[in-house]
Amino acid sequence: MDGFQTKTPARTGLEYPIDTVPSVGDTMEILPGLHWVRMPLPFSLKWINLWLIDDGEPGWTIVDTGMPLDDTKAAWRQIFEDKLDGRPVWRIIVTHMHPDHVGNAGWLSRKFPGAELWMTQLEYITCRMLIADTGREAPQAGIDFYRAAGWTDEQIDTYQKRFGGFGRGVSQMPDSYRRLSDGEVIRLGGQDWQVVVGNGHSPEHGCLYSSNLNVMIAGDQLLPRISSNVSVHPTEPRANPLEDWISSCRKLKGVLAEDALILPAHNEPFRGAHQRLDHLIKGHETALKRLRQRIEAEPRRVVDVFPAVFGRKIDDDVLSMATGEAIAHLRCLIERGQVTVRRDEDGTDWYSAA
């Protein structure tokens, strides 16, 4: 889910106040009781940032968990041995359901019996739904979805072989959870933190914002150097996640102070949230403009518009996520009344300027 991102240049107005990073198996205290943990990933992003919070007597809260890799589990064990002062992990908060964030949640809950999983409702339910696909054959709805986008028979065959892989990147999930809701205030490390939900990258992404500390744990909702993947999926082919994403960027700008310290899931902690959010909105609006220009001359398939959306060649290893994001841009233009779509007798969709 998070292995395909749109790279953007470092923004000159952003400030990166922390000039070192924690090593694997260690933590870095960046505020009293708030520790930065960094774990490896097996794809292009390389690293994910996780957070360990000292809640005093009850124990420790973990925010996001990493993937269930042997190296990651070994690093967590080292942290538990060296850093917890004999107190347990009592709460596991997951920002959203992508495997690099939720992957070790079940493993951690079994390692610390009684540790409760906290997630938003749609993230938990969607995660359980996708895990249930493990071992199933690819559904006809998915085959039709990618055929409509212009995939070749070979690419469809690869999709069918890989279908159900989500569950292999997630340890067995707890059978119950505690729901996080937008606007709710929870206590972390002796401070009040507001749950701020964003949409588009995932169904109900939960960020955590402390106005007193002027800090947000942002997950993938606000990253400094890359733009999170925003995709339409076969399960909801008429969705408009890009408009949801743009609206969420505007929402975060209204919540956050400009000088808030943002703790992202990838890249380094930074300040300059308003500028970064403006840049993310502008980037997508520019891509929408390029996309509309590309289909004005003649109808195009999804696979024909990749250069307009991404400005680069798309390889088969990221084809499904690139397809989902290209469709997200097209669906946004359809909902704005600027594009129409027609399916031909072979089941391929052709997009035209309205």
Protein backbone atom coordinates (compact mmCIF):
# COMPACT_ATOMS: atom_id res chain seq x y z
CA MET A 1 0.00 0.00 0.00
CA ASP A 2 2.72 2.46 0.96
CA GLY A 3 5.41 1.16 -1.37
CA PHE A 4 4.34 3.45 -4.22
CA GLN A 5 4.55 7.15 -3.55
CA THR A 6 4.92 10.23 -5.72
CA LYS A 7 8.28 11.81 -4.97
CA THR A 8 8.34 15.57 -4.58
CA PRO A 9 11.36 17.82 -4.08
CA ALA A 10 12.28 18.94 -0.59
CA ARG A 11 10.39 22.15 0.15
CA THR A 12 12.63 25.12 0.89
CA GLY A 13 10.26 26.45 3.56
CA LEU A 14 10.22 23.25 5.61
CA GLU A 15 12.36 22.96 8.70
CA TYR A 16 13.81 19.66 9.89
CA PRO A 17 14.71 20.32 13.54
CA ILE A 18 16.09 16.85 14.38
CA ASP A 19 19.39 16.16 12.66
CA THR A 20 19.88 12.53 13.75
CA VAL A 21 17.76 9.38 13.51
CA PRO A 22 17.41 6.45 15.92
CA SER A 23 19.18 3.24 15.04
CA VAL A 24 17.27 -0.01 14.65
CA GLY A 25 16.58 -1.55 18.06
CA ASP A 26 16.97 1.79 19.83
CA THR A 27 14.78 4.80 20.58
CA MET A 28 15.26 8.57 20.53
CA GLU A 29 13.38 10.75 23.01
CA ILE A 30 12.29 13.82 21.06
CA LEU A 31 9.95 15.20 23.76
CA PRO A 32 9.60 14.09 27.40
CA GLY A 33 8.06 10.63 27.27
CA LEU A 34 7.72 10.59 23.47
CA HIS A 35 10.23 8.33 21.74
CA TRP A 36 10.98 7.93 18.04
CA VAL A 37 11.44 4.35 16.77
CA ARG A 38 12.63 3.57 13.23
CA MET A 39 12.10 0.19 11.55
CA PRO A 40 13.14 -1.19 8.13
CA LEU A 41 10.75 -1.86 5.24
CA PRO A 42 11.22 -4.29 2.33
CA PHE A 43 10.36 -1.82 -0.43
CA SER A 44 11.42 1.54 -1.85
CA LEU A 45 10.57 3.66 1.19
CA LYS A 46 13.10 1.66 3.27
CA TRP A 47 11.99 2.98 6.69
CA ILE A 48 8.91 3.66 8.77
CA ASN A 49 8.71 5.89 11.84
CA LEU A 50 6.91 4.48 14.87
CA TRP A 51 6.31 6.09 18.24
CA LEU A 52 6.66 4.83 21.82
CA ILE A 53 4.95 6.88 24.54
CA ASP A 54 5.48 6.60 28.30
CA ASP A 55 2.06 6.51 29.98
CA GLY A 56 3.44 6.11 33.48
CA GLU A 57 1.80 3.53 35.72
CA PRO A 58 -0.27 1.68 33.07
CA GLY A 59 2.82 1.17 30.90
CA TRP A 60 3.64 2.19 27.34
CA THR A 61 1.65 3.07 24.25
CA ILE A 62 2.94 2.14 20.78
CA VAL A 63 1.71 4.17 17.81
CA ASP A 64 2.04 2.11 14.60
CA THR A 65 3.87 -1.19 14.56
CA GLY A 66 5.92 -1.94 11.43
CA MET A 67 5.70 -5.03 9.27
CA PRO A 68 5.97 -8.58 10.70
CA LEU A 69 9.55 -9.07 9.54
CA ASP A 70 12.10 -11.04 11.54
CA ASP A 71 14.38 -7.97 11.76
CA THR A 72 11.56 -5.76 12.97
CA LYS A 73 10.44 -8.22 15.63
CA ALA A 74 14.04 -8.61 16.82
CA ALA A 75 14.37 -4.82 17.06
CA TRP A 76 11.14 -4.56 19.06
CA ARG A 77 12.39 -7.28 21.44
CA GLN A 78 15.59 -5.31 21.99
CA ILE A 79 13.58 -2.17 22.77
CA PHE A 80 11.34 -4.07 25.18
CA GLU A 81 14.38 -5.43 27.00
CA ASP A 82 16.30 -2.15 27.19
CA LYS A 83 13.73 0.68 27.25
CA LEU A 84 10.50 -0.23 29.06
CA ASP A 85 11.77 -0.13 32.67
CA GLY A 86 9.94 -3.35 33.43
CA ARG A 87 6.52 -1.91 32.53
CA PRO A 88 4.34 -3.49 29.82
CA VAL A 89 2.91 -2.19 26.58
CA TRP A 90 -0.73 -1.62 27.52
CA ARG A 91 -2.06 0.05 24.37
CA ILE A 92 -1.38 -0.23 20.63
CA ILE A 93 -2.64 2.64 18.46
CA VAL A 94 -2.65 2.17 14.68
CA THR A 95 -3.14 5.18 12.40
CA HIS A 96 -4.42 3.09 9.48
CA MET A 97 -4.65 -0.40 8.05
CA HIS A 98 -1.70 -0.60 5.66
CA PRO A 99 0.68 -3.45 6.55
CA ASP A 100 3.66 -1.27 7.46
CA HIS A 101 1.47 0.37 10.13
CA VAL A 102 -0.74 -2.47 11.37
CA GLY A 103 1.45 -5.46 10.49
CA ASN A 104 2.74 -6.25 14.00
CA ALA A 105 -0.38 -5.21 15.94
CA GLY A 106 -1.54 -8.78 16.50
CA TRP A 107 1.94 -10.00 17.38
CA LEU A 108 2.35 -7.19 19.93
CA SER A 109 -1.06 -7.82 21.48
CA ARG A 110 -0.13 -11.46 22.03
CA LYS A 111 3.29 -10.57 23.38
CA PHE A 112 1.65 -8.25 25.91
CA PRO A 113 -1.63 -9.96 26.96
CA GLY A 114 -4.15 -7.31 27.84
CA ALA A 115 -2.71 -4.71 25.47
CA GLU A 116 -5.66 -3.15 23.65
CA LEU A 117 -5.73 -2.24 19.96
CA TRP A 118 -7.04 1.27 19.22
CA MET A 119 -8.06 2.11 15.63
CA THR A 120 -10.79 3.95 13.79
CA GLN A 121 -13.69 1.74 12.82
CA LEU A 122 -13.26 1.74 9.04
CA GLU A 123 -9.53 1.02 9.29
CA TYR A 124 -10.09 -1.99 11.55
CA ILE A 125 -12.98 -3.40 9.53
CA THR A 126 -11.27 -2.85 6.17
CA CYS A 127 -8.13 -4.54 7.45
CA ARG A 128 -10.08 -7.57 8.62
CA MET A 129 -11.92 -7.69 5.26
CA LEU A 130 -8.71 -7.67 3.24
CA ILE A 131 -7.11 -10.32 5.42
CA ALA A 132 -10.16 -12.51 4.74
CA ASP A 133 -9.24 -12.49 1.03
CA THR A 134 -6.09 -14.51 1.76
CA GLY A 135 -6.24 -17.77 -0.16
CA ARG A 136 -9.23 -16.76 -2.29
CA GLU A 137 -9.22 -16.65 -6.06
CA ALA A 138 -9.25 -13.18 -7.57
CA PRO A 139 -12.86 -12.01 -7.97
CA GLN A 140 -14.35 -11.27 -11.37
CA ALA A 141 -15.01 -7.71 -10.23
CA GLY A 142 -11.27 -7.17 -9.84
CA ILE A 143 -10.47 -8.75 -13.21
CA ASP A 144 -13.08 -6.54 -14.91
CA PHE A 145 -11.76 -3.47 -13.09
CA TYR A 146 -8.20 -3.87 -14.36
CA ARG A 147 -9.29 -4.99 -17.81
CA ALA A 148 -11.33 -1.79 -18.06
CA ALA A 149 -8.16 0.16 -17.23
CA GLY A 150 -6.36 -1.31 -20.25
CA TRP A 151 -4.26 -4.03 -18.65
CA THR A 152 -2.87 -6.79 -20.85
CA ASP A 153 -3.74 -10.46 -20.39
CA GLU A 154 -0.31 -11.03 -18.84
CA GLN A 155 -0.86 -8.24 -16.32
CA ILE A 156 -4.29 -9.61 -15.43
CA ASP A 157 -2.72 -13.04 -14.92
CA THR A 158 -0.17 -11.53 -12.51
CA TYR A 159 -2.97 -9.83 -10.57
CA GLN A 160 -4.77 -13.16 -10.23
CA LYS A 161 -1.63 -14.90 -8.95
CA ARG A 162 -0.89 -12.15 -6.42
CA PHE A 163 -4.45 -11.66 -5.19
CA GLY A 164 -4.89 -12.15 -1.46
CA GLY A 165 -1.34 -11.09 -0.58
CA PHE A 166 -2.43 -8.43 1.93
CA GLY A 167 -2.91 -10.96 4.72
CA ARG A 168 0.65 -12.23 4.36
CA GLY A 169 1.92 -8.80 5.45
CA VAL A 170 -0.19 -8.66 8.63
CA SER A 171 0.10 -10.80 11.75
CA GLN A 172 -3.16 -12.33 12.98
CA MET A 173 -5.30 -9.39 14.10
CA PRO A 174 -6.90 -9.13 17.55
CA ASP A 175 -10.57 -10.12 17.47
CA SER A 176 -11.64 -6.92 19.21
CA TYR A 177 -10.51 -3.30 19.29
CA ARG A 178 -11.28 0.07 20.89
CA ARG A 179 -12.69 2.57 18.38
CA LEU A 180 -11.05 5.96 17.80
CA SER A 181 -13.41 8.69 16.55
CA ASP A 182 -12.76 11.98 14.80
CA GLY A 183 -12.53 14.83 17.32
CA GLU A 184 -12.15 12.53 20.32
CA VAL A 185 -9.55 13.56 22.91
CA ILE A 186 -7.38 10.87 24.49
CA ARG A 187 -4.56 11.00 27.05
CA LEU A 188 -1.07 10.07 25.92
CA GLY A 189 1.96 10.62 28.12
CA GLY A 190 0.00 12.89 30.43
CA GLN A 191 -1.17 15.16 27.60
CA ASP A 192 -4.45 15.58 25.74
CA TRP A 193 -4.30 14.49 22.08
CA GLN A 194 -7.12 15.06 19.60
CA VAL A 195 -7.96 12.40 17.02
CA VAL A 196 -7.99 14.06 13.59
CA VAL A 197 -9.33 11.81 10.81
CA GLY A 198 -8.22 12.19 7.21
CA ASN A 199 -9.48 10.36 4.13
CA GLY A 200 -8.24 9.44 0.68
CA HIS A 201 -5.04 7.53 1.36
CA SER A 202 -7.02 5.07 3.48
CA PRO A 203 -10.64 4.89 4.62
CA GLU A 204 -10.46 6.64 8.02
CA HIS A 205 -6.85 7.54 8.79
CA GLY A 206 -6.41 8.64 12.41
CA CYS A 207 -3.83 11.33 13.23
CA LEU A 208 -3.09 12.49 16.79
CA TYR A 209 -2.63 16.20 17.56
CA SER A 210 -1.56 17.79 20.85
CA SER A 211 -2.23 21.53 20.69
CA ASN A 212 -0.48 21.95 24.03
CA LEU A 213 2.72 20.34 22.73
CA ASN A 214 2.06 21.65 19.19
CA VAL A 215 2.85 18.18 17.82
CA MET A 216 1.00 15.89 15.42
CA ILE A 217 1.63 12.18 14.91
CA ALA A 218 0.59 12.23 11.26
CA GLY A 219 1.02 8.70 9.92
CA ASP A 220 0.81 8.91 6.12
CA GLN A 221 -1.63 11.83 6.12
CA LEU A 222 1.14 14.44 5.97
CA LEU A 223 4.60 13.56 4.67
CA PRO A 224 7.33 16.10 3.89
CA ARG A 225 9.02 14.65 0.79
CA ILE A 226 6.55 12.28 -0.85
CA SER A 227 2.84 12.33 -1.60
CA SER A 228 0.84 9.40 -0.26
CA ASN A 229 -0.84 7.10 -2.76
CA VAL A 230 -4.52 7.96 -3.31
CA SER A 231 -6.27 5.18 -5.21
CA VAL A 232 -9.59 3.83 -6.39
CA HIS A 233 -9.85 0.09 -5.73
CA PRO A 234 -11.96 -2.66 -7.33
CA THR A 235 -14.09 -2.90 -4.17
CA GLU A 236 -15.45 0.64 -4.76
CA PRO A 237 -14.83 1.55 -8.40
CA ARG A 238 -16.92 4.74 -8.33
CA ALA A 239 -15.20 6.24 -5.28
CA ASN A 240 -13.69 9.72 -5.34
CA PRO A 241 -10.78 9.46 -2.88
CA LEU A 242 -8.79 12.30 -4.42
CA GLU A 243 -11.47 14.85 -3.55
CA ASP A 244 -11.52 13.32 -0.06
CA TRP A 245 -7.73 13.71 0.13
CA ILE A 246 -7.79 17.35 -0.98
CA SER A 247 -10.56 18.10 1.52
CA SER A 248 -8.52 16.40 4.26
CA CYS A 249 -5.49 18.53 3.44
CA ARG A 250 -7.63 21.64 3.85
CA LYS A 251 -9.04 20.22 7.10
CA LEU A 252 -5.56 19.63 8.54
CA LYS A 253 -4.52 23.15 7.60
CA GLY A 254 -7.45 24.44 9.67
CA VAL A 255 -6.47 22.30 12.66
CA LEU A 256 -2.70 22.65 12.77
CA ALA A 257 -0.57 25.61 13.75
CA GLU A 258 1.89 26.51 10.99
CA ASP A 259 4.85 25.84 13.30
CA ALA A 260 3.53 22.49 14.60
CA LEU A 261 6.08 19.70 14.76
CA ILE A 262 4.87 16.98 12.39
CA LEU A 263 5.89 13.41 13.15
CA PRO A 264 5.35 11.59 9.82
CA ALA A 265 5.44 7.87 9.15
CA HIS A 266 8.15 8.34 6.51
CA ASN A 267 11.02 10.83 6.14
CA GLU A 268 12.01 13.13 9.00
CA PRO A 269 9.99 15.14 11.53
CA PHE A 270 9.41 18.65 10.19
CA ARG A 271 7.78 22.04 10.62
CA GLY A 272 5.95 23.97 7.91
CA ALA A 273 2.65 22.07 7.77
CA HIS A 274 0.63 24.79 6.03
CA GLN A 275 3.13 25.18 3.20
CA ARG A 276 3.38 21.44 2.74
CA LEU A 277 -0.40 20.99 2.67
CA ASP A 278 -0.72 23.80 0.12
CA HIS A 279 1.94 22.10 -2.00
CA LEU A 280 0.15 18.74 -1.84
CA ILE A 281 -3.14 20.32 -2.94
CA LYS A 282 -1.44 22.25 -5.73
CA GLY A 283 0.38 19.14 -6.94
CA HIS A 284 -2.83 17.20 -7.41
CA GLU A 285 -4.64 20.13 -9.00
CA THR A 286 -1.76 20.48 -11.47
CA ALA A 287 -1.94 16.77 -12.27
CA LEU A 288 -5.68 17.08 -12.84
CA LYS A 289 -5.10 19.93 -15.28
CA ARG A 290 -2.44 17.96 -17.19
CA LEU A 291 -4.72 14.94 -17.26
CA ARG A 292 -7.64 16.85 -18.74
CA GLN A 293 -5.37 18.34 -21.39
CA ARG A 294 -4.13 14.86 -22.33
CA ILE A 295 -7.61 13.52 -23.04
CA GLU A 296 -8.92 16.61 -24.85
CA ALA A 297 -7.47 15.54 -28.21
CA GLU A 298 -8.87 12.00 -28.16
CA PRO A 299 -10.29 9.42 -25.73
CA ARG A 300 -7.71 7.64 -23.57
CA ARG A 301 -7.54 4.54 -21.39
CA VAL A 302 -6.25 4.62 -17.82
CA VAL A 303 -2.90 3.14 -18.86
CA ASP A 304 -2.51 5.90 -21.47
CA VAL A 305 -2.61 8.74 -18.93
CA PHE A 306 0.20 7.68 -16.60
CA PRO A 307 2.62 10.31 -18.00
CA ALA A 308 0.13 13.08 -17.24
CA VAL A 309 -0.40 11.95 -13.64
CA PHE A 310 3.10 10.81 -12.69
CA GLY A 311 5.47 12.31 -15.24
CA ARG A 312 7.40 9.05 -15.49
CA LYS A 313 7.25 5.51 -16.81
CA ILE A 314 5.31 3.04 -14.69
CA ASP A 315 6.77 -0.44 -14.25
CA ASP A 316 4.68 -3.54 -13.65
CA ASP A 317 5.81 -3.80 -10.02
CA VAL A 318 3.79 -0.68 -9.13
CA LEU A 319 1.18 -1.02 -11.87
CA SER A 320 -1.82 -1.67 -9.59
CA MET A 321 -1.16 1.33 -7.35
CA ALA A 322 -0.41 3.59 -10.31
CA THR A 323 -3.63 2.41 -11.95
CA GLY A 324 -5.59 3.12 -8.78
CA GLU A 325 -4.17 6.62 -8.47
CA ALA A 326 -4.73 7.44 -12.15
CA ILE A 327 -8.36 6.32 -11.80
CA ALA A 328 -8.67 8.47 -8.67
CA HIS A 329 -7.70 11.52 -10.73
CA LEU A 330 -10.10 10.57 -13.51
CA ARG A 331 -12.96 9.95 -11.08
CA CYS A 332 -12.31 13.35 -9.52
CA LEU A 333 -12.63 15.00 -12.94
CA ILE A 334 -15.80 13.01 -13.65
CA GLU A 335 -17.35 14.19 -10.37
CA ARG A 336 -16.37 17.77 -11.25
CA GLY A 337 -18.18 17.40 -14.57
CA GLN A 338 -15.03 17.76 -16.68
CA VAL A 339 -14.63 14.19 -17.97
CA THR A 340 -16.92 11.42 -19.22
CA VAL A 341 -16.24 7.70 -19.53
CA ARG A 342 -17.51 5.09 -22.01
CA ARG A 343 -16.96 1.31 -21.84
CA ASP A 344 -16.50 -0.40 -25.19
CA GLU A 345 -17.65 -3.88 -26.21
CA ASP A 346 -14.32 -5.37 -25.07
CA GLY A 347 -14.83 -4.05 -21.54
CA THR A 348 -12.26 -1.23 -21.80
CA ASP A 349 -13.04 2.24 -20.44
CA TRP A 350 -12.30 5.29 -22.58
CA TYR A 351 -12.15 8.73 -20.96
CA SER A 352 -12.99 11.93 -22.85
CA ALA A 353 -13.16 15.60 -21.97
CA ALA A 354 -16.72 16.66 -21.22
